[in-house]
Amino acid sequence: SQESTTYEEIDSVAYYSNLSDSHVKANKYKHALNYTQKAIHYSIKNNDSESHAIQTSNLGKLYYDVKKYDDAIKSYTKSLSLSKYFEPNSTQAVSHYFIGMCYMQKKEYNKASSNFQKAESIYNSLKITVASDLIKLQKGIIYQSKGEFDLASNIFNEIIAKPDNQVNLDCKAGAL
């Protein structure tokens, strides 16, 4: 077997996605953005609409991480548009969740709430419960920001009362 690998042989969505992830971990967002865009172009070139939707969602997360909320919303919305004919999936739920997070940053709480509800609905249909407390926390913050302190307090207390695990510790910290 031949050990040398040419650039063309490793030109793939997974390859670029992994390079992007490693650059995010190294806090090199410019490089991560470049590799995510290469993954998007590769998925377009190969008519892979599922990968195109996933990578476009990943692009939204990069924009979110660097506080470019309008660009993030555009990327997540495009990802949702690309995947509208797919069965409900976690990429759609993540896209709605982070659109909601972007609107939270922009203090557009009704739009945020609408997207959190969509994310929650998809997660529930997929029987994924991990995100439930994160969404509840955001709902509590929305209630708090609207001056609905009793509703916010009920949600925060519900989160705090849960047994500790690695996933909900961040939620509990946010609820305190």
Protein backbone atom coordinates (compact mmCIF):
# COMPACT_ATOMS: atom_id res chain seq x y z
CA SER A 1 0.00 0.00 0.00
CA GLN A 2 1.12 3.50 -0.73
CA GLU A 3 1.81 5.60 2.37
CA SER A 4 1.93 9.05 0.81
CA THR A 5 -1.38 10.87 0.61
CA THR A 6 -1.95 13.64 -1.86
CA TYR A 7 -3.88 16.76 -1.00
CA GLU A 8 -6.74 15.77 -3.31
CA GLU A 9 -7.22 12.43 -1.54
CA ILE A 10 -7.83 14.09 1.80
CA ASP A 11 -9.96 16.91 0.42
CA SER A 12 -13.17 16.26 2.34
CA VAL A 13 -15.73 17.87 4.60
CA ALA A 14 -14.52 15.82 7.58
CA TYR A 15 -10.92 16.85 6.96
CA TYR A 16 -11.73 20.56 6.82
CA SER A 17 -14.15 20.30 9.73
CA ASN A 18 -11.48 18.67 11.90
CA LEU A 19 -8.97 21.37 10.96
CA SER A 20 -11.56 24.02 11.82
CA ASP A 21 -12.24 22.39 15.21
CA SER A 22 -8.55 22.25 16.07
CA HIS A 23 -8.16 25.94 15.21
CA VAL A 24 -11.15 26.84 17.40
CA LYS A 25 -9.50 24.99 20.29
CA ALA A 26 -6.34 27.02 19.65
CA ASN A 27 -8.45 30.21 19.55
CA LYS A 28 -7.50 30.85 15.91
CA TYR A 29 -10.92 31.79 14.60
CA LYS A 30 -9.67 33.27 11.33
CA HIS A 31 -8.19 29.89 10.36
CA ALA A 32 -11.26 28.04 11.66
CA LEU A 33 -13.46 30.26 9.50
CA ASN A 34 -11.30 29.52 6.45
CA TYR A 35 -11.51 25.75 6.93
CA THR A 36 -15.25 25.85 7.62
CA GLN A 37 -15.74 27.78 4.38
CA LYS A 38 -13.63 25.16 2.56
CA ALA A 39 -15.85 22.43 4.04
CA ILE A 40 -18.92 24.33 2.82
CA HIS A 41 -17.45 24.71 -0.69
CA TYR A 42 -16.50 21.02 -0.77
CA SER A 43 -20.03 19.99 0.24
CA ILE A 44 -21.52 22.24 -2.46
CA LYS A 45 -19.09 20.86 -5.07
CA ASN A 46 -20.19 17.33 -4.15
CA ASN A 47 -23.92 18.12 -3.92
CA ASP A 48 -23.94 17.04 -0.28
CA SER A 49 -26.77 19.15 1.12
CA GLU A 50 -26.67 17.53 4.56
CA SER A 51 -22.98 18.40 5.02
CA HIS A 52 -23.66 21.85 3.56
CA ALA A 53 -26.35 22.44 6.22
CA ILE A 54 -24.12 21.14 9.04
CA GLN A 55 -21.08 23.17 7.99
CA THR A 56 -23.20 26.31 7.52
CA SER A 57 -24.46 25.80 11.08
CA ASN A 58 -20.84 25.41 12.20
CA LEU A 59 -20.08 28.70 10.46
CA GLY A 60 -22.88 30.28 12.49
CA LYS A 61 -21.25 29.01 15.69
CA LEU A 62 -17.93 30.58 14.71
CA TYR A 63 -19.67 33.91 14.14
CA TYR A 64 -21.51 33.53 17.45
CA ASP A 65 -18.24 32.83 19.29
CA VAL A 66 -16.71 36.08 17.97
CA LYS A 67 -19.90 38.04 18.78
CA LYS A 68 -20.93 38.64 15.13
CA TYR A 69 -24.55 37.91 15.95
CA ASP A 70 -26.13 39.15 12.70
CA ASP A 71 -23.73 37.01 10.64
CA ALA A 72 -24.43 34.06 12.95
CA ILE A 73 -28.19 34.46 12.50
CA LYS A 74 -27.74 34.55 8.70
CA SER A 75 -25.62 31.37 8.74
CA TYR A 76 -27.98 29.49 11.06
CA THR A 77 -31.00 30.60 9.03
CA LYS A 78 -29.32 29.41 5.83
CA SER A 79 -28.53 26.08 7.50
CA LEU A 80 -32.19 25.71 8.46
CA SER A 81 -33.24 26.58 4.91
CA LEU A 82 -30.84 23.97 3.50
CA SER A 83 -32.20 21.30 5.84
CA LYS A 84 -35.91 22.11 5.70
CA TYR A 85 -36.70 18.93 3.75
CA PHE A 86 -34.72 16.67 6.09
CA GLU A 87 -36.16 14.80 9.03
CA PRO A 88 -35.83 16.83 12.25
CA ASN A 89 -32.23 16.58 13.43
CA SER A 90 -29.86 17.94 16.04
CA THR A 91 -28.28 20.44 13.61
CA GLN A 92 -31.67 22.10 13.20
CA ALA A 93 -32.17 22.18 16.98
CA VAL A 94 -28.70 23.64 17.53
CA SER A 95 -29.34 26.25 14.85
CA HIS A 96 -32.58 27.36 16.49
CA TYR A 97 -30.93 27.37 19.93
CA PHE A 98 -28.08 29.60 18.80
CA ILE A 99 -30.37 31.89 16.81
CA GLY A 100 -32.15 32.29 20.13
CA MET A 101 -28.84 32.98 21.87
CA CYS A 102 -28.00 35.63 19.25
CA TYR A 103 -31.35 37.31 19.81
CA MET A 104 -30.71 37.20 23.57
CA GLN A 105 -27.50 39.17 22.99
CA LYS A 106 -29.45 41.62 20.85
CA LYS A 107 -32.13 41.85 23.60
CA GLU A 108 -34.82 40.72 21.13
CA TYR A 109 -36.44 38.37 23.62
CA ASN A 110 -39.58 37.45 21.65
CA LYS A 111 -37.48 36.23 18.71
CA ALA A 112 -35.16 34.45 21.14
CA SER A 113 -38.08 32.74 22.86
CA SER A 114 -39.59 31.61 19.56
CA ASN A 115 -36.32 29.98 18.51
CA PHE A 116 -35.81 28.32 21.91
CA GLN A 117 -39.32 26.82 21.57
CA LYS A 118 -38.45 25.48 18.11
CA ALA A 119 -35.18 24.02 19.42
CA GLU A 120 -36.97 22.46 22.37
CA SER A 121 -39.63 20.94 20.11
CA ILE A 122 -36.98 19.34 17.87
CA TYR A 123 -34.95 18.08 20.84
CA ASN A 124 -38.12 16.57 22.34
CA SER A 125 -39.03 14.86 19.05
CA LEU A 126 -35.52 13.39 18.96
CA LYS A 127 -35.77 12.41 22.64
CA ILE A 128 -32.61 14.43 23.42
CA THR A 129 -32.93 15.73 26.97
CA VAL A 130 -29.45 17.19 27.49
CA ALA A 131 -30.41 20.62 26.13
CA SER A 132 -33.56 20.93 28.23
CA ASP A 133 -31.93 22.75 31.15
CA LEU A 134 -30.01 25.08 28.83
CA ILE A 135 -33.25 26.10 27.15
CA LYS A 136 -35.03 26.45 30.49
CA LEU A 137 -32.21 28.68 31.74
CA GLN A 138 -32.62 30.98 28.73
CA LYS A 139 -36.39 31.08 29.29
CA GLY A 140 -35.74 32.07 32.91
CA ILE A 141 -33.39 34.84 31.78
CA ILE A 142 -36.04 36.08 29.33
CA TYR A 143 -38.66 36.18 32.10
CA GLN A 144 -36.19 37.97 34.36
CA SER A 145 -35.38 40.56 31.69
CA LYS A 146 -39.11 41.22 31.22
CA GLY A 147 -39.57 41.75 34.96
CA GLU A 148 -41.51 38.50 35.39
CA PHE A 149 -39.48 37.52 38.45
CA ASP A 150 -41.85 34.85 39.84
CA LEU A 151 -41.78 32.89 36.58
CA ALA A 152 -38.00 33.31 36.33
CA SER A 153 -37.54 32.23 39.95
CA ASN A 154 -39.65 29.09 39.43
CA ILE A 155 -37.53 28.06 36.45
CA PHE A 156 -34.23 28.81 38.21
CA ASN A 157 -35.32 26.87 41.32
CA GLU A 158 -36.35 23.91 39.17
CA ILE A 159 -32.89 23.84 37.59
CA ILE A 160 -31.08 24.27 40.91
CA ALA A 161 -33.09 21.46 42.57
CA LYS A 162 -31.90 18.83 40.09
CA PRO A 163 -29.16 16.40 41.13
CA ASP A 164 -25.71 17.49 40.01
CA ASN A 165 -24.15 16.11 36.88
CA GLN A 166 -21.55 17.48 34.52
CA VAL A 167 -24.12 18.75 32.03
CA ASN A 168 -26.33 20.72 34.41
CA LEU A 169 -23.63 22.33 36.57
CA ASP A 170 -23.24 25.22 34.10
CA CYS A 171 -27.02 25.67 34.06
CA LYS A 172 -27.12 25.74 37.84
CA ALA A 173 -24.39 28.37 37.90
CA GLY A 174 -26.40 30.49 35.46
CA ALA A 175 -29.57 30.03 37.52
CA LEU A 176 -27.90 31.20 40.74
